Each structure stands twice: as C-alpha cells, then as structure tokens.
C-alpha cells in the first residue's frame, strides 16, 4: 500500500445511483435450508419464492395477532 493516495482527480458520486435496488443475501442454517429445499422441490418452485411465501404468510399471521 502507498503511504498516500492522490484523490484530487476523483469525482464524488460517480457511481451513485439513487434508484438502485440491492438484493441482500440471506444465509439459512442447514436445517432450515433443507426444510425450504424440500418444499421447493415438492412445489416445483425455486428457494427464493418459497422463502418469500413463508415470510409473507408469517407477516399475515403477525397482522392477525396485533
């Protein structure tokens, strides 16, 4: 590494995109992953879809409790 870097020619915000969407990775432990994989296989859907469906149903249950 250099002792100093020259940022005098740098451009602030060059790669900033205000409407950019990020997909944040979610890591499941082995037991939960296996559970979701089995459901996905039975429903012939991908794992992301199954996880989203499970979260959506949990949100509905939580709304009923409140």
N, C-alpha and C. Protein backbone atom coordinates (compact mmCIF):
# COMPACT_ATOMS: atom_id res chain seq x y z
N UNK A 1 0.83 -1.19 0.00
CA UNK A 1 0.00 0.00 0.00
C UNK A 1 0.87 1.24 0.00
N UNK A 2 0.39 2.25 -0.70
CA UNK A 2 1.12 3.51 -0.70
C UNK A 2 0.89 4.23 0.62
N UNK A 3 1.83 5.10 0.94
CA UNK A 3 1.69 5.89 2.15
C UNK A 3 0.58 6.93 1.99
N UNK A 4 0.44 7.49 0.78
CA UNK A 4 -0.61 8.47 0.48
C UNK A 4 -1.19 8.19 -0.89
N UNK A 5 -2.44 8.53 -1.07
CA UNK A 5 -3.11 8.39 -2.36
C UNK A 5 -3.60 9.77 -2.81
N UNK A 6 -3.58 10.02 -4.11
CA UNK A 6 -3.99 11.31 -4.66
C UNK A 6 -5.42 11.19 -5.20
N UNK A 7 -6.36 11.83 -4.52
CA UNK A 7 -7.75 11.83 -4.95
C UNK A 7 -8.16 13.16 -5.57
N UNK A 8 -7.20 13.98 -5.95
CA UNK A 8 -7.50 15.31 -6.48
C UNK A 8 -8.27 15.24 -7.81
N UNK A 9 -8.13 14.16 -8.56
CA UNK A 9 -8.85 14.00 -9.82
C UNK A 9 -10.11 13.14 -9.65
N UNK A 10 -10.41 12.78 -8.42
CA UNK A 10 -11.58 11.94 -8.15
C UNK A 10 -12.89 12.69 -8.37
N UNK A 11 -13.94 11.94 -8.64
CA UNK A 11 -15.26 12.52 -8.87
C UNK A 11 -16.23 11.94 -7.85
N UNK A 12 -16.73 12.77 -6.96
CA UNK A 12 -17.64 12.33 -5.90
C UNK A 12 -18.98 11.88 -6.52
N UNK A 13 -19.45 10.72 -6.09
CA UNK A 13 -20.75 10.22 -6.52
C UNK A 13 -20.80 9.68 -7.93
N UNK A 14 -19.68 9.39 -8.51
CA UNK A 14 -19.61 8.94 -9.91
C UNK A 14 -20.47 7.69 -10.15
N UNK A 15 -20.48 6.77 -9.21
CA UNK A 15 -21.20 5.52 -9.39
C UNK A 15 -22.48 5.46 -8.56
N UNK A 16 -22.85 6.55 -7.91
CA UNK A 16 -24.06 6.58 -7.08
C UNK A 16 -25.30 6.52 -7.97
N UNK A 17 -26.21 5.63 -7.65
CA UNK A 17 -27.48 5.51 -8.36
C UNK A 17 -28.58 5.50 -7.31
N UNK A 18 -29.35 6.59 -7.21
CA UNK A 18 -30.35 6.71 -6.14
C UNK A 18 -31.46 5.65 -6.22
N UNK A 19 -31.76 5.14 -7.39
CA UNK A 19 -32.86 4.17 -7.54
C UNK A 19 -32.37 2.73 -7.64
N UNK A 20 -31.10 2.52 -7.38
CA UNK A 20 -30.55 1.17 -7.48
C UNK A 20 -31.15 0.28 -6.39
N UNK A 21 -31.49 -0.94 -6.75
CA UNK A 21 -32.01 -1.91 -5.80
C UNK A 21 -30.94 -2.94 -5.51
N UNK A 22 -30.86 -3.33 -4.26
CA UNK A 22 -29.87 -4.33 -3.86
C UNK A 22 -30.57 -5.60 -3.40
N UNK A 23 -30.05 -6.72 -3.81
CA UNK A 23 -30.51 -8.00 -3.30
C UNK A 23 -29.53 -8.44 -2.24
N UNK A 24 -30.00 -8.45 -1.02
CA UNK A 24 -29.15 -8.80 0.11
C UNK A 24 -29.17 -10.32 0.28
N UNK A 25 -28.02 -10.97 0.32
CA UNK A 25 -28.01 -12.42 0.50
C UNK A 25 -28.46 -12.80 1.91
N UNK A 26 -29.24 -13.86 1.98
CA UNK A 26 -29.71 -14.38 3.26
C UNK A 26 -29.18 -15.80 3.37
N UNK A 27 -28.53 -16.09 4.47
CA UNK A 27 -27.94 -17.41 4.67
C UNK A 27 -28.76 -18.18 5.69
N UNK A 28 -29.22 -19.36 5.30
CA UNK A 28 -30.02 -20.21 6.17
C UNK A 28 -29.12 -21.27 6.78
N UNK A 29 -29.45 -21.66 8.01
CA UNK A 29 -28.68 -22.76 8.59
C UNK A 29 -29.10 -24.05 7.89
N UNK A 30 -28.35 -25.09 8.10
CA UNK A 30 -28.52 -26.33 7.34
C UNK A 30 -29.93 -26.92 7.50
N UNK A 31 -30.47 -26.89 8.69
CA UNK A 31 -31.79 -27.46 8.95
C UNK A 31 -32.88 -26.68 8.20
N UNK A 32 -32.83 -25.35 8.27
CA UNK A 32 -33.83 -24.53 7.59
C UNK A 32 -33.68 -24.62 6.07
N UNK A 33 -32.46 -24.67 5.59
CA UNK A 33 -32.23 -24.80 4.16
C UNK A 33 -32.81 -26.11 3.64
N UNK A 34 -32.58 -27.18 4.36
CA UNK A 34 -33.11 -28.48 3.98
C UNK A 34 -34.64 -28.45 3.94
N UNK A 35 -35.25 -27.82 4.94
CA UNK A 35 -36.70 -27.68 5.02
C UNK A 35 -37.24 -26.94 3.80
N UNK A 36 -36.63 -25.81 3.48
CA UNK A 36 -37.08 -24.99 2.35
C UNK A 36 -36.83 -25.72 1.02
N UNK A 37 -35.73 -26.41 0.90
CA UNK A 37 -35.43 -27.14 -0.33
C UNK A 37 -36.48 -28.22 -0.59
N UNK A 38 -36.91 -28.91 0.47
CA UNK A 38 -37.93 -29.96 0.31
C UNK A 38 -39.25 -29.36 -0.17
N UNK A 39 -39.63 -28.23 0.40
CA UNK A 39 -40.86 -27.57 -0.01
C UNK A 39 -40.74 -27.11 -1.46
N UNK A 40 -39.62 -26.51 -1.81
CA UNK A 40 -39.40 -26.02 -3.17
C UNK A 40 -39.46 -27.16 -4.18
N UNK A 41 -38.88 -28.27 -3.82
CA UNK A 41 -38.90 -29.43 -4.71
C UNK A 41 -40.32 -29.93 -4.92
N UNK A 42 -41.11 -30.03 -3.84
CA UNK A 42 -42.49 -30.50 -3.95
C UNK A 42 -43.35 -29.55 -4.77
N UNK A 43 -43.15 -28.25 -4.57
CA UNK A 43 -43.96 -27.25 -5.27
C UNK A 43 -43.40 -26.91 -6.66
N UNK A 44 -42.22 -27.45 -6.97
CA UNK A 44 -41.52 -27.15 -8.23
C UNK A 44 -41.32 -25.64 -8.39
N UNK A 45 -40.83 -25.02 -7.32
CA UNK A 45 -40.52 -23.59 -7.30
C UNK A 45 -39.09 -23.42 -6.83
N UNK A 46 -38.54 -22.22 -7.04
CA UNK A 46 -37.19 -22.00 -6.54
C UNK A 46 -37.22 -21.62 -5.06
N UNK A 47 -36.08 -21.71 -4.42
CA UNK A 47 -35.98 -21.50 -2.98
C UNK A 47 -36.39 -20.08 -2.59
N UNK A 48 -35.99 -19.10 -3.38
CA UNK A 48 -36.34 -17.70 -3.07
C UNK A 48 -37.85 -17.51 -3.02
N UNK A 49 -38.55 -18.10 -3.95
CA UNK A 49 -40.02 -17.99 -3.98
C UNK A 49 -40.62 -18.59 -2.73
N UNK A 50 -40.14 -19.75 -2.33
CA UNK A 50 -40.67 -20.43 -1.15
C UNK A 50 -40.40 -19.60 0.11
N UNK A 51 -39.19 -19.08 0.24
CA UNK A 51 -38.86 -18.26 1.40
C UNK A 51 -39.75 -17.02 1.45
N UNK A 52 -39.95 -16.38 0.31
CA UNK A 52 -40.83 -15.21 0.27
C UNK A 52 -42.27 -15.56 0.65
N UNK A 53 -42.75 -16.70 0.19
CA UNK A 53 -44.10 -17.15 0.56
C UNK A 53 -44.20 -17.39 2.06
N UNK A 54 -43.19 -18.02 2.63
CA UNK A 54 -43.20 -18.28 4.08
C UNK A 54 -43.19 -16.98 4.88
N UNK A 55 -42.37 -16.05 4.47
CA UNK A 55 -42.31 -14.76 5.16
C UNK A 55 -43.63 -14.02 5.01
N UNK A 56 -44.21 -14.04 3.82
CA UNK A 56 -45.49 -13.38 3.58
C UNK A 56 -46.58 -13.95 4.49
N UNK A 57 -46.62 -15.28 4.64
CA UNK A 57 -47.64 -15.90 5.50
C UNK A 57 -47.38 -15.56 6.97
N UNK A 58 -46.12 -15.49 7.37
CA UNK A 58 -45.80 -15.08 8.74
C UNK A 58 -46.23 -13.64 9.01
N UNK A 59 -46.06 -12.78 8.01
CA UNK A 59 -46.48 -11.38 8.16
C UNK A 59 -47.99 -11.31 8.35
N UNK A 60 -48.73 -12.13 7.60
CA UNK A 60 -50.19 -12.14 7.74
C UNK A 60 -50.60 -12.63 9.11
N UNK A 61 -49.92 -13.65 9.62
CA UNK A 61 -50.22 -14.14 10.97
C UNK A 61 -49.92 -13.08 12.02
N UNK A 62 -48.82 -12.38 11.85
CA UNK A 62 -48.45 -11.34 12.80
C UNK A 62 -49.48 -10.19 12.79
N UNK A 63 -50.02 -9.88 11.60
CA UNK A 63 -51.04 -8.84 11.50
C UNK A 63 -52.33 -9.25 12.21
N UNK A 64 -52.64 -10.53 12.20
CA UNK A 64 -53.84 -11.01 12.88
C UNK A 64 -53.71 -10.90 14.40
N UNK A 65 -52.50 -11.09 14.89
CA UNK A 65 -52.25 -11.04 16.34
C UNK A 65 -52.35 -9.61 16.87
N UNK A 66 -51.85 -8.66 16.10
CA UNK A 66 -51.85 -7.26 16.56
C UNK A 66 -53.21 -6.68 16.64
